[in-house]
């Protein structure tokens, strides 16, 4: 059981696939538009329950409880050699072939 006041994350379907815009890519149209929101749990609950949270700016949001004490999990992807080469060019560490 996750206690009231805990920092949590919820998932909410904003648009179902059939509600999505017509001018988006086909593979995007096949999936719902999902919003992930973090905030303080307003009542005790379990993962998977529909809950209400209060965000840091004071909004009340409702969705499926997915995680307690969520962390930030983002990065800039895997290593790309071209990015390293661009860095060298910008810093003047590599010579550009002139034709």
N, C-alpha and C. Protein backbone atom coordinates (compact mmCIF):
# COMPACT_ATOMS: atom_id res chain seq x y z
N UNK A 1 0.85 -1.18 0.00
CA UNK A 1 0.00 0.00 0.00
C UNK A 1 0.89 1.24 0.00
N UNK A 2 0.56 2.16 -0.85
CA UNK A 2 1.28 3.43 -0.93
C UNK A 2 0.44 4.46 -0.19
N UNK A 3 1.09 5.16 0.72
CA UNK A 3 0.38 6.07 1.62
C UNK A 3 0.09 7.43 1.00
N UNK A 4 -0.98 8.02 1.45
CA UNK A 4 -1.36 9.38 1.08
C UNK A 4 -0.16 10.30 1.29
N UNK A 5 0.07 11.22 0.35
CA UNK A 5 1.16 12.17 0.45
C UNK A 5 2.45 11.71 -0.21
N UNK A 6 2.51 10.43 -0.62
CA UNK A 6 3.71 9.91 -1.28
C UNK A 6 3.86 10.55 -2.66
N UNK A 7 5.11 10.69 -3.10
CA UNK A 7 5.42 11.21 -4.43
C UNK A 7 5.24 10.05 -5.41
N UNK A 8 4.35 10.20 -6.39
CA UNK A 8 4.00 9.10 -7.28
C UNK A 8 3.91 9.57 -8.73
N UNK A 9 3.75 8.60 -9.61
CA UNK A 9 3.52 8.88 -11.03
C UNK A 9 2.25 8.17 -11.47
N UNK A 10 1.46 8.88 -12.30
CA UNK A 10 0.25 8.28 -12.85
C UNK A 10 0.32 8.30 -14.38
N UNK A 11 -0.49 7.46 -14.97
CA UNK A 11 -0.63 7.37 -16.43
C UNK A 11 -2.08 7.67 -16.76
N UNK A 12 -2.27 8.53 -17.77
CA UNK A 12 -3.64 8.89 -18.18
C UNK A 12 -3.71 8.89 -19.70
N UNK A 13 -4.72 8.24 -20.26
CA UNK A 13 -4.95 8.26 -21.70
C UNK A 13 -5.63 9.59 -22.04
N UNK A 14 -4.95 10.41 -22.86
CA UNK A 14 -5.49 11.70 -23.26
C UNK A 14 -6.38 11.54 -24.49
N UNK A 15 -5.90 10.77 -25.48
CA UNK A 15 -6.68 10.49 -26.68
C UNK A 15 -6.55 9.02 -27.03
N UNK A 16 -7.68 8.37 -27.31
CA UNK A 16 -7.66 6.99 -27.80
C UNK A 16 -7.24 7.03 -29.28
N UNK A 17 -6.75 5.90 -29.82
CA UNK A 17 -6.29 5.90 -31.22
C UNK A 17 -7.30 6.49 -32.21
N UNK A 18 -8.57 6.17 -32.03
CA UNK A 18 -9.59 6.67 -32.97
C UNK A 18 -9.85 8.17 -32.82
N UNK A 19 -9.34 8.79 -31.76
CA UNK A 19 -9.51 10.23 -31.55
C UNK A 19 -8.31 11.04 -32.05
N UNK A 20 -7.26 10.35 -32.47
CA UNK A 20 -6.04 11.04 -32.89
C UNK A 20 -6.25 11.77 -34.21
N UNK A 21 -5.44 12.80 -34.46
CA UNK A 21 -5.52 13.58 -35.69
C UNK A 21 -5.22 12.71 -36.91
N UNK A 22 -5.83 13.05 -38.02
CA UNK A 22 -5.64 12.29 -39.26
C UNK A 22 -4.27 12.52 -39.89
N UNK A 23 -3.64 13.66 -39.62
CA UNK A 23 -2.40 14.01 -40.32
C UNK A 23 -1.13 13.59 -39.57
N UNK A 24 -1.24 12.62 -38.67
CA UNK A 24 -0.05 12.11 -37.98
C UNK A 24 0.38 10.80 -38.62
N UNK A 25 1.63 10.38 -38.43
CA UNK A 25 2.10 9.13 -39.03
C UNK A 25 1.21 7.93 -38.67
N UNK A 26 1.11 6.98 -39.60
CA UNK A 26 0.25 5.81 -39.41
C UNK A 26 0.55 5.07 -38.12
N UNK A 27 1.85 4.84 -37.82
CA UNK A 27 2.17 4.07 -36.61
C UNK A 27 1.79 4.84 -35.35
N UNK A 28 1.79 6.16 -35.41
CA UNK A 28 1.39 6.98 -34.27
C UNK A 28 -0.12 6.91 -34.07
N UNK A 29 -0.88 6.85 -35.16
CA UNK A 29 -2.35 6.78 -35.07
C UNK A 29 -2.83 5.51 -34.38
N UNK A 30 -2.00 4.47 -34.37
CA UNK A 30 -2.42 3.18 -33.83
C UNK A 30 -2.35 3.10 -32.31
N UNK A 31 -1.73 4.08 -31.68
CA UNK A 31 -1.56 4.03 -30.22
C UNK A 31 -2.19 5.25 -29.57
N UNK A 32 -2.60 5.12 -28.31
CA UNK A 32 -3.19 6.27 -27.63
C UNK A 32 -2.14 7.32 -27.29
N UNK A 33 -2.58 8.55 -27.11
CA UNK A 33 -1.73 9.61 -26.60
C UNK A 33 -1.80 9.50 -25.08
N UNK A 34 -0.64 9.30 -24.46
CA UNK A 34 -0.57 9.04 -23.03
C UNK A 34 0.13 10.20 -22.32
N UNK A 35 -0.39 10.58 -21.17
CA UNK A 35 0.23 11.60 -20.34
C UNK A 35 0.73 10.93 -19.07
N UNK A 36 1.98 11.17 -18.73
CA UNK A 36 2.56 10.69 -17.48
C UNK A 36 2.74 11.91 -16.58
N UNK A 37 2.22 11.85 -15.36
CA UNK A 37 2.27 13.00 -14.47
C UNK A 37 2.72 12.56 -13.09
N UNK A 38 3.52 13.41 -12.46
CA UNK A 38 4.00 13.13 -11.09
C UNK A 38 3.35 14.11 -10.13
N UNK A 39 3.13 13.63 -8.92
CA UNK A 39 2.54 14.49 -7.91
C UNK A 39 2.38 13.73 -6.60
N UNK A 40 1.68 14.36 -5.67
CA UNK A 40 1.46 13.80 -4.34
C UNK A 40 0.14 13.04 -4.31
N UNK A 41 0.19 11.82 -3.86
CA UNK A 41 -0.99 10.95 -3.79
C UNK A 41 -1.99 11.51 -2.78
N UNK A 42 -3.25 11.61 -3.17
CA UNK A 42 -4.27 12.20 -2.28
C UNK A 42 -4.92 11.19 -1.35
N UNK A 43 -4.87 9.90 -1.68
CA UNK A 43 -5.42 8.85 -0.81
C UNK A 43 -4.54 7.61 -0.91
N UNK A 44 -4.51 6.78 0.11
CA UNK A 44 -3.77 5.52 0.06
C UNK A 44 -4.22 4.71 -1.16
N UNK A 45 -3.29 4.01 -1.80
CA UNK A 45 -3.65 3.24 -3.00
C UNK A 45 -2.58 2.20 -3.28
N UNK A 46 -2.88 1.34 -4.25
CA UNK A 46 -1.94 0.32 -4.74
C UNK A 46 -1.63 0.61 -6.20
N UNK A 47 -0.47 0.12 -6.66
CA UNK A 47 -0.11 0.24 -8.08
C UNK A 47 -1.25 -0.36 -8.90
N UNK A 48 -1.67 0.34 -9.93
CA UNK A 48 -2.77 -0.12 -10.78
C UNK A 48 -4.11 0.50 -10.44
N UNK A 49 -4.23 1.09 -9.25
CA UNK A 49 -5.48 1.75 -8.87
C UNK A 49 -5.64 3.06 -9.63
N UNK A 50 -6.89 3.47 -9.83
CA UNK A 50 -7.17 4.81 -10.35
C UNK A 50 -7.13 5.74 -9.15
N UNK A 51 -6.29 6.78 -9.26
CA UNK A 51 -6.05 7.67 -8.13
C UNK A 51 -6.09 9.13 -8.56
N UNK A 52 -6.11 10.01 -7.58
CA UNK A 52 -5.96 11.44 -7.81
C UNK A 52 -4.66 11.88 -7.15
N UNK A 53 -3.97 12.80 -7.84
CA UNK A 53 -2.73 13.36 -7.30
C UNK A 53 -2.81 14.88 -7.37
N UNK A 54 -1.96 15.52 -6.58
CA UNK A 54 -1.82 16.97 -6.65
C UNK A 54 -0.40 17.25 -7.15
N UNK A 55 -0.29 17.94 -8.28
CA UNK A 55 1.01 18.23 -8.87
C UNK A 55 1.69 19.36 -8.09
N UNK A 56 2.97 19.60 -8.40
CA UNK A 56 3.70 20.66 -7.69
C UNK A 56 3.14 22.04 -7.97
N UNK A 57 2.40 22.21 -9.06
CA UNK A 57 1.78 23.51 -9.34
C UNK A 57 0.33 23.58 -8.86
N UNK A 58 -0.11 22.53 -8.15
CA UNK A 58 -1.43 22.55 -7.54
C UNK A 58 -2.57 21.96 -8.35
N UNK A 59 -2.29 21.44 -9.57
CA UNK A 59 -3.35 20.81 -10.36
C UNK A 59 -3.72 19.46 -9.74
N UNK A 60 -4.97 19.11 -9.85
CA UNK A 60 -5.43 17.78 -9.44
C UNK A 60 -5.59 16.97 -10.73
N UNK A 61 -4.93 15.84 -10.80
CA UNK A 61 -5.00 14.96 -11.97
C UNK A 61 -5.44 13.58 -11.52
N UNK A 62 -6.10 12.86 -12.40
CA UNK A 62 -6.55 11.50 -12.11
C UNK A 62 -5.98 10.56 -13.15
N UNK A 63 -5.54 9.38 -12.73
CA UNK A 63 -5.02 8.39 -13.65
C UNK A 63 -4.68 7.11 -12.92
N UNK A 64 -4.04 6.20 -13.65
CA UNK A 64 -3.65 4.90 -13.10
C UNK A 64 -2.30 5.07 -12.39
N UNK A 65 -2.24 4.66 -11.14
CA UNK A 65 -1.00 4.74 -10.36
C UNK A 65 0.01 3.73 -10.92
N UNK A 66 1.17 4.23 -11.36
CA UNK A 66 2.17 3.37 -11.98
C UNK A 66 3.42 3.18 -11.15
N UNK A 67 3.73 4.14 -10.27
CA UNK A 67 5.00 4.05 -9.56
C UNK A 67 5.01 4.98 -8.34
N UNK A 68 5.66 4.52 -7.28
CA UNK A 68 5.91 5.38 -6.12
C UNK A 68 7.36 5.81 -6.16
N UNK A 69 7.62 7.02 -5.72
CA UNK A 69 8.97 7.59 -5.72
C UNK A 69 9.66 7.46 -7.07
N UNK A 70 9.02 7.94 -8.14
CA UNK A 70 9.61 7.81 -9.48
C UNK A 70 10.88 8.64 -9.61
N UNK A 71 11.79 8.14 -10.41
CA UNK A 71 13.03 8.87 -10.67
C UNK A 71 13.01 9.37 -12.10
N UNK A 72 13.94 10.27 -12.42
CA UNK A 72 14.08 10.75 -13.78
C UNK A 72 14.92 9.75 -14.55
N UNK A 73 14.39 9.24 -15.66
CA UNK A 73 15.10 8.24 -16.47
C UNK A 73 15.19 8.73 -17.90
N UNK A 74 16.02 9.71 -18.15
CA UNK A 74 16.17 10.17 -19.52
C UNK A 74 17.65 10.31 -19.83
N UNK A 75 17.96 10.18 -21.08
CA UNK A 75 19.32 10.37 -21.54
C UNK A 75 19.27 10.85 -22.99
N UNK A 76 20.40 10.95 -23.61
CA UNK A 76 20.46 11.44 -24.98
C UNK A 76 20.73 10.31 -25.96
N UNK A 77 20.41 9.09 -25.56
CA UNK A 77 20.58 7.95 -26.45
C UNK A 77 21.98 7.36 -26.40
N UNK A 78 22.20 6.38 -27.27
CA UNK A 78 23.50 5.71 -27.34
C UNK A 78 24.56 6.56 -28.02
N UNK A 79 25.77 6.08 -27.96
CA UNK A 79 26.90 6.77 -28.57
C UNK A 79 26.73 6.82 -30.08
N UNK A 80 27.02 8.00 -30.66
CA UNK A 80 26.95 8.19 -32.11
C UNK A 80 28.26 8.83 -32.54
N UNK A 81 29.05 8.10 -33.31
CA UNK A 81 30.37 8.57 -33.72
C UNK A 81 30.31 9.92 -34.43
N UNK A 82 29.29 10.14 -35.24
CA UNK A 82 29.17 11.40 -35.98
C UNK A 82 29.10 12.60 -35.04
N UNK A 83 28.48 12.43 -33.88
CA UNK A 83 28.40 13.53 -32.92
C UNK A 83 29.80 13.89 -32.40
N UNK A 84 30.61 12.88 -32.15
CA UNK A 84 31.98 13.13 -31.71
C UNK A 84 32.76 13.86 -32.80
N UNK A 85 32.57 13.46 -34.04
CA UNK A 85 33.25 14.13 -35.16
C UNK A 85 32.81 15.59 -35.28
N UNK A 86 31.52 15.84 -35.10
CA UNK A 86 31.01 17.21 -35.14
C UNK A 86 31.67 18.04 -34.04
N UNK A 87 31.80 17.47 -32.87
CA UNK A 87 32.46 18.18 -31.76
C UNK A 87 33.88 18.57 -32.16
N UNK A 88 34.61 17.64 -32.77
CA UNK A 88 35.99 17.92 -33.18
C UNK A 88 36.03 19.04 -34.22
N UNK A 89 35.10 19.01 -35.15
CA UNK A 89 35.05 20.04 -36.19
C UNK A 89 34.76 21.41 -35.57
N UNK A 90 33.76 21.46 -34.71
CA UNK A 90 33.37 22.73 -34.09
C UNK A 90 34.50 23.30 -33.25
N UNK A 91 35.21 22.45 -32.54
CA UNK A 91 36.31 22.92 -31.70
C UNK A 91 37.60 23.12 -32.48
N UNK A 92 37.57 22.85 -33.79
CA UNK A 92 38.75 23.04 -34.61
C UNK A 92 39.82 21.99 -34.41
N UNK A 93 39.43 20.84 -33.92
CA UNK A 93 40.39 19.78 -33.66
C UNK A 93 40.57 18.83 -34.84
N UNK A 94 39.78 18.99 -35.85
CA UNK A 94 39.90 18.14 -37.04
C UNK A 94 39.91 19.03 -38.28
N UNK A 95 40.59 18.59 -39.28
CA UNK A 95 40.63 19.35 -40.54
C UNK A 95 39.51 18.85 -41.43
N UNK A 96 38.87 19.78 -42.09
CA UNK A 96 37.80 19.44 -43.02
C UNK A 96 38.42 19.31 -44.39
N UNK A 97 38.13 18.21 -45.07
CA UNK A 97 38.65 18.03 -46.44
C UNK A 97 38.09 19.10 -47.33
N UNK A 98 38.98 19.77 -48.07
CA UNK A 98 38.53 20.79 -48.99
C UNK A 98 38.63 20.24 -50.40
N UNK A 99 37.63 20.50 -51.18
CA UNK A 99 37.62 19.99 -52.55
C UNK A 99 37.83 21.08 -53.53
